[in-house]
Structure formats: structure tokens, C-alpha cells
Amino acid sequence: MKEYTVKDLTSIMQLLEGVYAPHQHKRLKDILFLVIGILLFSVYAGLLVPYNGIGASGTIGIGLIMQKYFGIPIGTTQLALNVPLFYIAYKYIGKQFLLLTGATILASSFLINNLPNMVAPVELNDSLVAAIFCGIISGIAMSFLLIAGASTGGTDITGKFLAKRFKWSIPTVFLMQDILVYSLIWLTFDIQHVMYALIMSFVRNQTMKNIQRFFSAYIQCSIICLNPQEVVSAINSRLGRGSTIIEVEGGYSHQKQYMIILIIQQNELHTLKKIIAQTSPKSFITITNINNILGNFKEHSYEL
């Protein structure tokens, strides 16, 4: 039996530390959320909505219309509609977000088209129950994708693009898009499809709010550093967060330093740590949980 030296044990510990480093844990968690989100969204769009008399908004709603009139699979429509959107929005949306969203669209489009051939579609024979269930499933799916830094594309991309390009509010843009697609659903099917789609949207929004409330807790970060302008500039450009700079003095060294105070969401902490590591690696950081915020604070659903 081999005897391990102190050097061998040290190497093993360093390897384990590398495997379980925080950024590795964050990456694995994001991949897990991404995979689960894609699977749930594909089940919702491929096995539930088309077989239960429910309309939908976004590219799935347009896919239902194209399937009825031309027999084009929903997944194919979703993929085709997103190609020009990616080209248009390339300059306005974060590259990592765009890449993950592209992977999500490719995988979900394939699964939406092929799941009905592999698994029997779920016909609940009760559109109201189906609408509620679809709202829960799609809400969980979209929340997980947003947490992983992706989305289902389509009107998510156009909404973010129009809001950023023309300075419109995101809720207003999304409402305009939904009204347009629901009107087409009404003309293609009937008013019941629209009514059940509205119920599904309400349940989905409530589900996403509850999940977001759980994952997007607020935290206050205090950063002691010597180069506040460089750090703040990186925070502004990469997180889009405001901050406060306070001049402080070291209690032991009496050296002049600066404290940067800012409020972020829990899911932005990983990015903040990377910013500090790159701009001011010798900084001292404290993190405090916050129960509530009053005033001008913007919630970031995902990276732009």
C-alpha cells in the first residue's frame, strides 16, 4: 500500500480546493439550473400547451399559429424567429447572456419538436387546470433560466432590446408584445384560448415573483480599497449599480483609504467578487444581509 507524504497530501488538498472553489460551485449550479430550465420549458411548450386548448404569448404563441395554418412545428418556428433577433440585439445584450440564450433556444427547439414522439403528450381534459399547471411549470423554467443567465429568447430579447434602444419601460414593451400575440391567437383560435393564456400568464408571473424573491435577496457590500474610482467604474459598467465612496482611515496604520458601499442582489455577488479580484485584489470586503429596501433600487432580472 502506497504511503502518502506531506507533499502528496498538500497537493490533494489543493486539488480539492480547486474543485470546490466558489466559482466552480457557481458554474455547476448555473449549469444545473440551465438544464432543468430547458427541460421544464420543453415539457411546457411541447407536451402541455398544444394539447390542452391554451394560447400562449411570445414565440410559442406564434408557433401555435404557424402550426395550425402551415403545419410547421412549434420548435422550428421558435428557432426561426430568434435568428434575426440575435443579429439585431447583438450590440445591446450581454454576450454571455446571448450565448446561453442561444444554447437554450437550440436545445429547447429540438426537444419541443421531438418530445411528443418520445413521450405521450399530456391531455388533462380541463383547460383551466392545464393553464394553472402550465403557469407553474413555465414560471419555474423561466426563473431557473434567468438565474443561470439565460432566457427563452423571442419577446424576451425584443423587449430588452426595445427598452434599452428607445428608453421604454420593460413592462410597457412586454404588454404591447403580449397584446399583439394574444390578438393573433384570438383570430386564429377563439377567445377561450386567450382567456386561459391570461390565467397561465398570471400564474407564471406569480411563480416567478416568488422564486425571484427567494433567490434575489438584497445584500450590502462594503469595500475598503485604495483605488475607488477604478473599482466603481467597473461596478458601473458590469453591474449597472450605483455606489457611495467614503474617505476612511486605517485604525492601525492610519493610512488614508476609501470605503465603497453598494447594494446588490444575491445573484450578483459572484460578478462583484470577480470585479474586485481584477481591479483591487487587496481590498477588504464585508457583506451584510438586508431585509428591505426603500427608495431608488433597480432589480436586475438578468444581465444586459
C-alpha atoms as a PDB file:
ATOM      1  CA  MET A   1       0.000   0.000   0.000  1.00  0.00           C
ATOM      2  CA  LYS A   2       1.402   3.393  -1.029  1.00  0.00           C
ATOM      3  CA  GLU A   3       2.410   5.770   1.743  1.00  0.00           C
ATOM      4  CA  TYR A   4       1.499   9.398   1.155  1.00  0.00           C
ATOM      5  CA  THR A   5       3.952  12.139   2.087  1.00  0.00           C
ATOM      6  CA  VAL A   6       3.021  15.559   3.432  1.00  0.00           C
ATOM      7  CA  LYS A   7       3.677  16.952  -0.046  1.00  0.00           C
ATOM      8  CA  ASP A   8       1.242  14.450  -1.588  1.00  0.00           C
ATOM      9  CA  LEU A   9      -1.461  15.337   0.941  1.00  0.00           C
ATOM     10  CA  THR A  10      -0.907  19.037   0.318  1.00  0.00           C
ATOM     11  CA  SER A  11      -1.321  18.503  -3.424  1.00  0.00           C
ATOM     12  CA  ILE A  12      -4.549  16.570  -2.843  1.00  0.00           C
ATOM     13  CA  MET A  13      -5.932  19.348  -0.626  1.00  0.00           C
ATOM     14  CA  GLN A  14      -5.080  21.958  -3.253  1.00  0.00           C
ATOM     15  CA  LEU A  15      -6.830  19.866  -5.889  1.00  0.00           C
ATOM     16  CA  LEU A  16      -9.944  19.557  -3.729  1.00  0.00           C
ATOM     17  CA  GLU A  17      -9.925  23.281  -3.056  1.00  0.00           C
ATOM     18  CA  GLY A  18      -9.818  23.871  -6.791  1.00  0.00           C
ATOM     19  CA  VAL A  19     -12.712  21.509  -7.432  1.00  0.00           C
ATOM     20  CA  TYR A  20     -14.877  23.038  -4.745  1.00  0.00           C
ATOM     21  CA  ALA A  21     -13.836  26.650  -5.277  1.00  0.00           C
ATOM     22  CA  PRO A  22     -16.753  29.092  -5.116  1.00  0.00           C
ATOM     23  CA  HIS A  23     -16.615  29.956  -8.808  1.00  0.00           C
ATOM     24  CA  GLN A  24     -16.672  26.261  -9.731  1.00  0.00           C
ATOM     25  CA  HIS A  25     -19.654  25.721  -7.447  1.00  0.00           C
ATOM     26  CA  LYS A  26     -21.410  28.708  -9.035  1.00  0.00           C
ATOM     27  CA  ARG A  27     -20.723  27.379 -12.529  1.00  0.00           C
ATOM     28  CA  LEU A  28     -22.068  23.912 -11.703  1.00  0.00           C
ATOM     29  CA  LYS A  29     -25.149  25.459 -10.112  1.00  0.00           C
ATOM     30  CA  ASP A  30     -25.777  27.581 -13.210  1.00  0.00           C
ATOM     31  CA  ILE A  31     -25.438  24.538 -15.475  1.00  0.00           C
ATOM     32  CA  LEU A  32     -27.896  22.606 -13.303  1.00  0.00           C
ATOM     33  CA  PHE A  33     -30.419  25.459 -13.389  1.00  0.00           C
ATOM     34  CA  LEU A  34     -29.941  25.781 -17.152  1.00  0.00           C
ATOM     35  CA  VAL A  35     -30.562  22.079 -17.848  1.00  0.00           C
ATOM     36  CA  ILE A  36     -33.620  21.875 -15.575  1.00  0.00           C
ATOM     37  CA  GLY A  37     -34.998  25.101 -17.052  1.00  0.00           C
ATOM     38  CA  ILE A  38     -34.629  23.826 -20.625  1.00  0.00           C
ATOM     39  CA  LEU A  39     -36.303  20.505 -19.795  1.00  0.00           C
ATOM     40  CA  LEU A  40     -39.244  22.108 -17.981  1.00  0.00           C
ATOM     41  CA  PHE A  41     -39.766  24.706 -20.708  1.00  0.00           C
ATOM     42  CA  SER A  42     -39.702  21.988 -23.383  1.00  0.00           C
ATOM     43  CA  VAL A  43     -42.295  19.954 -21.483  1.00  0.00           C
ATOM     44  CA  TYR A  44     -44.489  23.046 -21.136  1.00  0.00           C
ATOM     45  CA  ALA A  45     -44.246  24.041 -24.817  1.00  0.00           C
ATOM     46  CA  GLY A  46     -44.060  20.569 -26.371  1.00  0.00           C
ATOM     47  CA  LEU A  47     -46.300  18.339 -24.252  1.00  0.00           C
ATOM     48  CA  LEU A  48     -48.789  20.617 -22.480  1.00  0.00           C
ATOM     49  CA  VAL A  49     -49.806  23.817 -24.283  1.00  0.00           C
ATOM     50  CA  PRO A  50     -50.575  22.420 -27.780  1.00  0.00           C
ATOM     51  CA  TYR A  51     -52.834  19.662 -26.423  1.00  0.00           C
ATOM     52  CA  ASN A  52     -54.964  21.469 -23.841  1.00  0.00           C
ATOM     53  CA  GLY A  53     -56.707  24.326 -25.624  1.00  0.00           C
ATOM     54  CA  ILE A  54     -54.441  27.059 -24.259  1.00  0.00           C
ATOM     55  CA  GLY A  55     -52.958  30.011 -26.085  1.00  0.00           C
ATOM     56  CA  ALA A  56     -49.549  31.471 -25.298  1.00  0.00           C
ATOM     57  CA  SER A  57     -47.602  34.670 -25.721  1.00  0.00           C
ATOM     58  CA  GLY A  58     -44.222  35.160 -27.366  1.00  0.00           C
ATOM     59  CA  THR A  59     -42.699  32.810 -29.912  1.00  0.00           C
ATOM     60  CA  ILE A  60     -44.645  29.841 -28.525  1.00  0.00           C
ATOM     61  CA  GLY A  61     -47.910  31.654 -29.282  1.00  0.00           C
ATOM     62  CA  ILE A  62     -46.721  32.456 -32.804  1.00  0.00           C
ATOM     63  CA  GLY A  63     -45.596  28.826 -33.095  1.00  0.00           C
ATOM     64  CA  LEU A  64     -49.124  27.636 -32.266  1.00  0.00           C
ATOM     65  CA  ILE A  65     -50.483  29.835 -35.062  1.00  0.00           C
ATOM     66  CA  MET A  66     -47.903  28.622 -37.595  1.00  0.00           C
ATOM     67  CA  GLN A  67     -48.576  25.013 -36.637  1.00  0.00           C
ATOM     68  CA  LYS A  68     -52.325  25.417 -37.181  1.00  0.00           C
ATOM     69  CA  TYR A  69     -52.100  27.178 -40.549  1.00  0.00           C
ATOM     70  CA  PHE A  70     -48.974  25.649 -42.088  1.00  0.00           C
ATOM     71  CA  GLY A  71     -48.175  22.553 -40.011  1.00  0.00           C
ATOM     72  CA  ILE A  72     -44.782  23.976 -39.013  1.00  0.00           C
ATOM     73  CA  PRO A  73     -43.576  22.523 -35.676  1.00  0.00           C
ATOM     74  CA  ILE A  74     -43.533  24.957 -32.749  1.00  0.00           C
ATOM     75  CA  GLY A  75     -39.836  24.399 -32.074  1.00  0.00           C
ATOM     76  CA  THR A  76     -38.945  25.204 -35.679  1.00  0.00           C
ATOM     77  CA  THR A  77     -40.869  28.482 -35.527  1.00  0.00           C
ATOM     78  CA  GLN A  78     -39.187  29.386 -32.249  1.00  0.00           C
ATOM     79  CA  LEU A  79     -35.748  28.781 -33.750  1.00  0.00           C
ATOM     80  CA  ALA A  80     -36.502  30.641 -36.998  1.00  0.00           C
ATOM     81  CA  LEU A  81     -37.877  33.723 -35.229  1.00  0.00           C
ATOM     82  CA  ASN A  82     -34.862  34.018 -32.952  1.00  0.00           C
ATOM     83  CA  VAL A  83     -32.210  34.046 -35.698  1.00  0.00           C
ATOM     84  CA  PRO A  84     -32.877  37.650 -36.847  1.00  0.00           C
ATOM     85  CA  LEU A  85     -33.484  38.748 -33.251  1.00  0.00           C
ATOM     86  CA  PHE A  86     -29.998  37.607 -32.265  1.00  0.00           C
ATOM     87  CA  TYR A  87     -28.476  39.592 -35.105  1.00  0.00           C
ATOM     88  CA  ILE A  88     -30.399  42.748 -34.209  1.00  0.00           C
ATOM     89  CA  ALA A  89     -29.805  42.535 -30.467  1.00  0.00           C
ATOM     90  CA  TYR A  90     -26.113  41.549 -30.575  1.00  0.00           C
ATOM     91  CA  LYS A  91     -24.915  45.068 -29.721  1.00  0.00           C
ATOM     92  CA  TYR A  92     -27.476  45.651 -26.993  1.00  0.00           C
ATOM     93  CA  ILE A  93     -27.456  42.471 -24.931  1.00  0.00           C
ATOM     94  CA  GLY A  94     -24.669  40.927 -22.855  1.00  0.00           C
ATOM     95  CA  LYS A  95     -22.582  38.464 -24.848  1.00  0.00           C
ATOM     96  CA  GLN A  96     -22.652  35.743 -22.190  1.00  0.00           C
ATOM     97  CA  PHE A  97     -26.415  36.091 -21.841  1.00  0.00           C
ATOM     98  CA  LEU A  98     -26.783  35.907 -25.618  1.00  0.00           C
ATOM     99  CA  LEU A  99     -24.609  32.784 -25.832  1.00  0.00           C
ATOM    100  CA  LEU A 100     -26.513  30.949 -23.084  1.00  0.00           C
ATOM    101  CA  THR A 101     -29.839  32.014 -24.565  1.00  0.00           C
ATOM    102  CA  GLY A 102     -28.745  30.683 -27.964  1.00  0.00           C
ATOM    103  CA  ALA A 103     -27.878  27.311 -26.439  1.00  0.00           C
ATOM    104  CA  THR A 104     -31.238  27.298 -24.643  1.00  0.00           C
ATOM    105  CA  ILE A 105     -33.157  28.020 -27.842  1.00  0.00           C
ATOM    106  CA  LEU A 106     -31.335  25.327 -29.829  1.00  0.00           C
ATOM    107  CA  ALA A 107     -31.859  22.668 -27.154  1.00  0.00           C
ATOM    108  CA  SER A 108     -35.470  23.585 -26.370  1.00  0.00           C
ATOM    109  CA  SER A 109     -36.435  23.832 -30.064  1.00  0.00           C
ATOM    110  CA  PHE A 110     -35.144  20.306 -30.631  1.00  0.00           C
ATOM    111  CA  LEU A 111     -36.921  18.948 -27.549  1.00  0.00           C
ATOM    112  CA  ILE A 112     -40.211  20.743 -28.283  1.00  0.00           C
ATOM    113  CA  ASN A 113     -40.336  19.129 -31.731  1.00  0.00           C
ATOM    114  CA  ASN A 114     -39.266  15.656 -30.619  1.00  0.00           C
ATOM    115  CA  LEU A 115     -40.682  15.146 -27.115  1.00  0.00           C
ATOM    116  CA  PRO A 116     -44.198  14.302 -28.447  1.00  0.00           C
ATOM    117  CA  ASN A 117     -42.590  11.434 -30.391  1.00  0.00           C
ATOM    118  CA  MET A 118     -40.785  10.129 -27.308  1.00  0.00           C
ATOM    119  CA  VAL A 119     -43.339  10.796 -24.565  1.00  0.00           C
ATOM    120  CA  ALA A 120     -47.124  10.767 -24.759  1.00  0.00           C
ATOM    121  CA  PRO A 121     -48.500  14.355 -24.713  1.00  0.00           C
ATOM    122  CA  VAL A 122     -50.334  15.295 -21.510  1.00  0.00           C
ATOM    123  CA  GLU A 123     -54.039  15.892 -22.202  1.00  0.00           C
ATOM    124  CA  LEU A 124     -55.684  16.973 -18.943  1.00  0.00           C
ATOM    125  CA  ASN A 125     -59.188  17.442 -20.437  1.00  0.00           C
ATOM    126  CA  ASP A 126     -59.564  20.560 -18.284  1.00  0.00           C
ATOM    127  CA  SER A 127     -58.117  23.726 -19.780  1.00  0.00           C
ATOM    128  CA  LEU A 128     -58.343  25.664 -16.506  1.00  0.00           C
ATOM    129  CA  VAL A 129     -56.289  23.087 -14.601  1.00  0.00           C
ATOM    130  CA  ALA A 130     -53.902  22.875 -17.556  1.00  0.00           C
ATOM    131  CA  ALA A 131     -53.494  26.672 -17.609  1.00  0.00           C
ATOM    132  CA  ILE A 132     -52.621  26.746 -13.902  1.00  0.00           C
ATOM    133  CA  PHE A 133     -50.224  23.817 -14.239  1.00  0.00           C
ATOM    134  CA  CYS A 134     -48.575  25.334 -17.338  1.00  0.00           C
ATOM    135  CA  GLY A 135     -48.170  28.616 -15.481  1.00  0.00           C
ATOM    136  CA  ILE A 136     -46.342  26.901 -12.630  1.00  0.00           C
ATOM    137  CA  ILE A 137     -44.122  24.798 -14.918  1.00  0.00           C
ATOM    138  CA  SER A 138     -43.217  27.669 -17.241  1.00  0.00           C
ATOM    139  CA  GLY A 139     -42.669  30.024 -14.285  1.00  0.00           C
ATOM    140  CA  ILE A 140     -40.184  27.641 -12.703  1.00  0.00           C
ATOM    141  CA  ALA A 141     -38.494  27.036 -16.070  1.00  0.00           C
ATOM    142  CA  MET A 142     -38.062  30.715 -16.925  1.00  0.00           C
ATOM    143  CA  SER A 143     -36.902  31.592 -13.411  1.00  0.00           C
ATOM    144  CA  PHE A 144     -34.249  28.882 -13.488  1.00  0.00           C
ATOM    145  CA  LEU A 145     -33.064  30.057 -16.905  1.00  0.00           C
ATOM    146  CA  LEU A 146     -32.805  33.658 -15.705  1.00  0.00           C
ATOM    147  CA  ILE A 147     -30.873  32.564 -12.617  1.00  0.00           C
ATOM    148  CA  ALA A 148     -28.462  30.706 -14.924  1.00  0.00           C
ATOM    149  CA  GLY A 149     -28.048  33.866 -17.018  1.00  0.00           C
ATOM    150  CA  ALA A 150     -30.184  32.817 -20.000  1.00  0.00           C
ATOM    151  CA  SER A 151     -33.744  33.100 -21.283  1.00  0.00           C
ATOM    152  CA  THR A 152     -36.055  31.529 -23.864  1.00  0.00           C
ATOM    153  CA  GLY A 153     -35.321  34.312 -26.341  1.00  0.00           C
ATOM    154  CA  GLY A 154     -38.096  35.667 -28.541  1.00  0.00           C
ATOM    155  CA  THR A 155     -40.029  38.511 -26.950  1.00  0.00           C
ATOM    156  CA  ASP A 156     -37.584  38.486 -24.026  1.00  0.00           C
ATOM    157  CA  ILE A 157     -34.892  39.667 -26.432  1.00  0.00           C
ATOM    158  CA  THR A 158     -37.090  42.138 -28.326  1.00  0.00           C
ATOM    159  CA  GLY A 159     -38.422  43.507 -25.041  1.00  0.00           C
ATOM    160  CA  LYS A 160     -34.949  44.123 -23.644  1.00  0.00           C
ATOM    161  CA  PHE A 161     -33.737  45.471 -26.995  1.00  0.00           C
ATOM    162  CA  LEU A 162     -36.597  47.966 -27.422  1.00  0.00           C
ATOM    163  CA  ALA A 163     -36.441  49.046 -23.785  1.00  0.00           C
ATOM    164  CA  LYS A 164     -32.719  49.755 -23.994  1.00  0.00           C
ATOM    165  CA  ARG A 165     -32.731  51.220 -27.518  1.00  0.00           C
ATOM    166  CA  PHE A 166     -35.710  53.576 -27.133  1.00  0.00           C
ATOM    167  CA  LYS A 167     -35.679  54.066 -23.333  1.00  0.00           C
ATOM    168  CA  TRP A 168     -39.134  52.486 -22.965  1.00  0.00           C
ATOM    169  CA  SER A 169     -40.113  50.741 -19.754  1.00  0.00           C
ATOM    170  CA  ILE A 170     -39.774  46.956 -19.916  1.00  0.00           C
ATOM    171  CA  PRO A 171     -43.307  46.224 -18.555  1.00  0.00           C
ATOM    172  CA  THR A 172     -44.798  48.508 -21.239  1.00  0.00           C
ATOM    173  CA  VAL A 173     -42.879  46.777 -24.027  1.00  0.00           C
ATOM    174  CA  PHE A 174     -43.841  43.317 -22.790  1.00  0.00           C
ATOM    175  CA  LEU A 175     -47.503  44.386 -22.508  1.00  0.00           C
ATOM    176  CA  MET A 176     -47.521  45.667 -26.103  1.00  0.00           C
ATOM    177  CA  GLN A 177     -45.994  42.416 -27.348  1.00  0.00           C
ATOM    178  CA  ASP A 178     -48.476  40.283 -25.408  1.00  0.00           C
ATOM    179  CA  ILE A 179     -51.463  42.269 -26.714  1.00  0.00           C
ATOM    180  CA  LEU A 180     -50.266  41.753 -30.292  1.00  0.00           C
ATOM    181  CA  VAL A 181     -49.718  37.988 -29.948  1.00  0.00           C
ATOM    182  CA  TYR A 182     -52.934  37.426 -27.961  1.00  0.00           C
ATOM    183  CA  SER A 183     -54.894  39.257 -30.658  1.00  0.00           C
ATOM    184  CA  LEU A 184     -53.480  36.871 -33.260  1.00  0.00           C
ATOM    185  CA  ILE A 185     -54.317  33.899 -31.008  1.00  0.00           C
ATOM    186  CA  TRP A 186     -57.907  35.163 -30.729  1.00  0.00           C
ATOM    187  CA  LEU A 187     -58.231  35.465 -34.523  1.00  0.00           C
ATOM    188  CA  THR A 188     -56.657  32.040 -35.097  1.00  0.00           C
ATOM    189  CA  PHE A 189     -58.414  30.030 -32.387  1.00  0.00           C
ATOM    190  CA  ASP A 190     -61.044  31.595 -30.098  1.00  0.00           C
ATOM    191  CA  ILE A 191     -61.402  33.867 -27.094  1.00  0.00           C
ATOM    192  CA  GLN A 192     -61.167  30.902 -24.689  1.00  0.00           C
ATOM    193  CA  HIS A 193     -57.591  30.244 -25.783  1.00  0.00           C
ATOM    194  CA  VAL A 194     -56.771  33.851 -24.877  1.00  0.00           C
ATOM    195  CA  MET A 195     -58.582  33.680 -21.519  1.00  0.00           C
ATOM    196  CA  TYR A 196     -56.735  30.527 -20.478  1.00  0.00           C
ATOM    197  CA  ALA A 197     -53.470  32.050 -21.715  1.00  0.00           C
ATOM    198  CA  LEU A 198     -54.067  35.076 -19.468  1.00  0.00           C
ATOM    199  CA  ILE A 199     -54.688  32.790 -16.484  1.00  0.00           C
ATOM    200  CA  MET A 200     -51.492  30.907 -17.311  1.00  0.00           C
ATOM    201  CA  SER A 201     -49.549  34.183 -17.586  1.00  0.00           C
ATOM    202  CA  PHE A 202     -50.835  35.362 -14.204  1.00  0.00           C
ATOM    203  CA  VAL A 203     -49.838  32.098 -12.505  1.00  0.00           C
ATOM    204  CA  ARG A 204     -46.449  32.180 -14.246  1.00  0.00           C
ATOM    205  CA  ASN A 205     -45.765  35.747 -13.116  1.00  0.00           C
ATOM    206  CA  GLN A 206     -46.679  34.933  -9.511  1.00  0.00           C
ATOM    207  CA  THR A 207     -44.470  31.843  -9.606  1.00  0.00           C
ATOM    208  CA  MET A 208     -41.544  33.843 -10.983  1.00  0.00           C
ATOM    209  CA  LYS A 209     -42.005  36.586  -8.372  1.00  0.00           C
ATOM    210  CA  ASN A 210     -41.898  34.057  -5.535  1.00  0.00           C
ATOM    211  CA  ILE A 211     -38.804  32.340  -6.930  1.00  0.00           C
ATOM    212  CA  GLN A 212     -37.110  35.684  -7.572  1.00  0.00           C
ATOM    213  CA  ARG A 213     -37.891  36.781  -4.019  1.00  0.00           C
ATOM    214  CA  PHE A 214     -36.172  33.630  -2.770  1.00  0.00           C
ATOM    215  CA  PHE A 215     -33.045  33.849  -4.947  1.00  0.00           C
ATOM    216  CA  SER A 216     -32.607  37.619  -5.283  1.00  0.00           C
ATOM    217  CA  ALA A 217     -32.121  38.608  -1.654  1.00  0.00           C
ATOM    218  CA  TYR A 218     -30.576  42.022  -1.107  1.00  0.00           C
ATOM    219  CA  ILE A 219     -27.101  42.410   0.351  1.00  0.00           C
ATOM    220  CA  GLN A 220     -24.965  45.408   1.283  1.00  0.00           C
ATOM    221  CA  CYS A 221     -21.281  45.271   0.400  1.00  0.00           C
ATOM    222  CA  SER A 222     -18.633  47.484   1.990  1.00  0.00           C
ATOM    223  CA  ILE A 223     -15.314  47.530   0.124  1.00  0.00           C
ATOM    224  CA  ILE A 224     -12.174  49.073   1.663  1.00  0.00           C
ATOM    225  CA  CYS A 225      -9.643  49.886  -1.070  1.00  0.00           C
ATOM    226  CA  LEU A 226      -7.064  52.392  -2.318  1.00  0.00           C
ATOM    227  CA  ASN A 227      -8.356  52.826  -5.892  1.00  0.00           C
ATOM    228  CA  PRO A 228     -12.089  53.550  -5.569  1.00  0.00           C
ATOM    229  CA  GLN A 229     -12.553  55.187  -8.975  1.00  0.00           C
ATOM    230  CA  GLU A 230     -11.305  52.132 -10.865  1.00  0.00           C
ATOM    231  CA  VAL A 231     -13.472  49.786  -8.783  1.00  0.00           C
ATOM    232  CA  VAL A 232     -16.581  51.973  -9.077  1.00  0.00           C
ATOM    233  CA  SER A 233     -16.104  52.341 -12.830  1.00  0.00           C
ATOM    234  CA  ALA A 234     -16.019  48.544 -13.234  1.00  0.00           C
ATOM    235  CA  ILE A 235     -19.074  48.145 -10.987  1.00  0.00           C
ATOM    236  CA  ASN A 236     -20.999  50.717 -13.021  1.00  0.00           C
ATOM    237  CA  SER A 237     -20.150  49.158 -16.378  1.00  0.00           C
ATOM    238  CA  ARG A 238     -20.579  45.487 -15.455  1.00  0.00           C
ATOM    239  CA  LEU A 239     -23.298  45.560 -12.800  1.00  0.00           C
ATOM    240  CA  GLY A 240     -25.028  48.833 -13.538  1.00  0.00           C
ATOM    241  CA  ARG A 241     -25.111  49.630  -9.817  1.00  0.00           C
ATOM    242  CA  GLY A 242     -24.632  52.956  -8.084  1.00  0.00           C
ATOM    243  CA  SER A 243     -22.390  53.246  -5.040  1.00  0.00           C
ATOM    244  CA  THR A 244     -21.165  55.645  -2.356  1.00  0.00           C
ATOM    245  CA  ILE A 245     -17.486  56.455  -1.724  1.00  0.00           C
ATOM    246  CA  ILE A 246     -16.419  57.468   1.794  1.00  0.00           C
ATOM    247  CA  GLU A 247     -12.910  58.512   2.817  1.00  0.00           C
ATOM    248  CA  VAL A 248     -11.721  56.490   5.840  1.00  0.00           C
ATOM    249  CA  GLU A 249      -8.539  55.995   7.870  1.00  0.00           C
ATOM    250  CA  GLY A 250      -6.930  52.731   8.943  1.00  0.00           C
ATOM    251  CA  GLY A 251      -7.100  52.341  12.721  1.00  0.00           C
ATOM    252  CA  TYR A 252      -3.696  50.662  12.934  1.00  0.00           C
ATOM    253  CA  SER A 253      -1.716  52.130  10.043  1.00  0.00           C
ATOM    254  CA  HIS A 254      -3.556  55.500   9.936  1.00  0.00           C
ATOM    255  CA  GLN A 255      -3.320  55.164   6.175  1.00  0.00           C
ATOM    256  CA  LYS A 256      -5.838  57.073   4.075  1.00  0.00           C
ATOM    257  CA  GLN A 257      -8.229  54.646   2.357  1.00  0.00           C
ATOM    258  CA  TYR A 258     -11.689  54.620   0.805  1.00  0.00           C
ATOM    259  CA  MET A 259     -14.867  52.692   1.557  1.00  0.00           C
ATOM    260  CA  ILE A 260     -17.260  51.852  -1.282  1.00  0.00           C
ATOM    261  CA  ILE A 261     -20.795  50.997  -0.171  1.00  0.00           C
ATOM    262  CA  LEU A 262     -23.344  49.490  -2.561  1.00  0.00           C
ATOM    263  CA  ILE A 263     -26.491  47.371  -2.548  1.00  0.00           C
ATOM    264  CA  ILE A 264     -26.775  44.408  -4.916  1.00  0.00           C
ATOM    265  CA  GLN A 265     -28.814  41.253  -5.309  1.00  0.00           C
ATOM    266  CA  GLN A 266     -27.514  37.934  -4.069  1.00  0.00           C
ATOM    267  CA  ASN A 267     -27.175  36.585  -7.602  1.00  0.00           C
ATOM    268  CA  GLU A 268     -24.849  39.492  -8.492  1.00  0.00           C
ATOM    269  CA  LEU A 269     -22.331  38.746  -5.740  1.00  0.00           C
ATOM    270  CA  HIS A 270     -20.291  36.364  -7.898  1.00  0.00           C
ATOM    271  CA  THR A 271     -19.791  39.079 -10.524  1.00  0.00           C
ATOM    272  CA  LEU A 272     -18.862  41.636  -7.860  1.00  0.00           C
ATOM    273  CA  LYS A 273     -16.205  39.297  -6.452  1.00  0.00           C
ATOM    274  CA  LYS A 274     -14.699  38.919  -9.919  1.00  0.00           C
ATOM    275  CA  ILE A 275     -14.661  42.692 -10.356  1.00  0.00           C
ATOM    276  CA  ILE A 276     -12.840  43.190  -7.038  1.00  0.00           C
ATOM    277  CA  ALA A 277     -10.354  40.407  -7.814  1.00  0.00           C
ATOM    278  CA  GLN A 278      -9.485  42.055 -11.140  1.00  0.00           C
ATOM    279  CA  THR A 279      -9.422  45.729 -10.108  1.00  0.00           C
ATOM    280  CA  SER A 280      -8.365  45.716  -6.443  1.00  0.00           C
ATOM    281  CA  PRO A 281      -7.320  42.245  -5.227  1.00  0.00           C
ATOM    282  CA  LYS A 282      -6.024  43.552  -1.872  1.00  0.00           C
ATOM    283  CA  SER A 283      -9.379  45.078  -0.925  1.00  0.00           C
ATOM    284  CA  PHE A 284     -11.196  44.226   2.300  1.00  0.00           C
ATOM    285  CA  ILE A 285     -14.871  43.348   1.813  1.00  0.00           C
ATOM    286  CA  THR A 286     -17.748  42.844   4.249  1.00  0.00           C
ATOM    287  CA  ILE A 287     -21.204  41.592   3.252  1.00  0.00           C
ATOM    288  CA  THR A 288     -24.426  42.173   5.197  1.00  0.00           C
ATOM    289  CA  ASN A 289     -27.895  40.773   4.505  1.00  0.00           C
ATOM    290  CA  ILE A 290     -30.693  43.337   4.097  1.00  0.00           C
ATOM    291  CA  ASN A 291     -34.360  42.618   4.754  1.00  0.00           C
ATOM    292  CA  ASN A 292     -35.899  45.529   2.873  1.00  0.00           C
ATOM    293  CA  ILE A 293     -35.019  48.499   0.678  1.00  0.00           C
ATOM    294  CA  LEU A 294     -36.926  51.754   0.261  1.00  0.00           C
ATOM    295  CA  GLY A 295     -36.108  54.227  -2.461  1.00  0.00           C
ATOM    296  CA  ASN A 296     -34.456  54.063  -5.856  1.00  0.00           C
ATOM    297  CA  PHE A 297     -33.201  50.496  -6.288  1.00  0.00           C
ATOM    298  CA  LYS A 298     -33.462  48.636  -9.577  1.00  0.00           C
ATOM    299  CA  GLU A 299     -33.974  44.867  -9.609  1.00  0.00           C
ATOM    300  CA  HIS A 300     -31.928  43.173 -12.331  1.00  0.00           C
ATOM    301  CA  SER A 301     -33.687  40.086 -13.677  1.00  0.00           C
ATOM    302  CA  TYR A 302     -30.712  39.147 -15.831  1.00  0.00           C
ATOM    303  CA  GLU A 303     -27.606  40.609 -17.351  1.00  0.00           C
ATOM    304  CA  LEU A 304     -27.822  43.149 -20.134  1.00  0.00           C
END
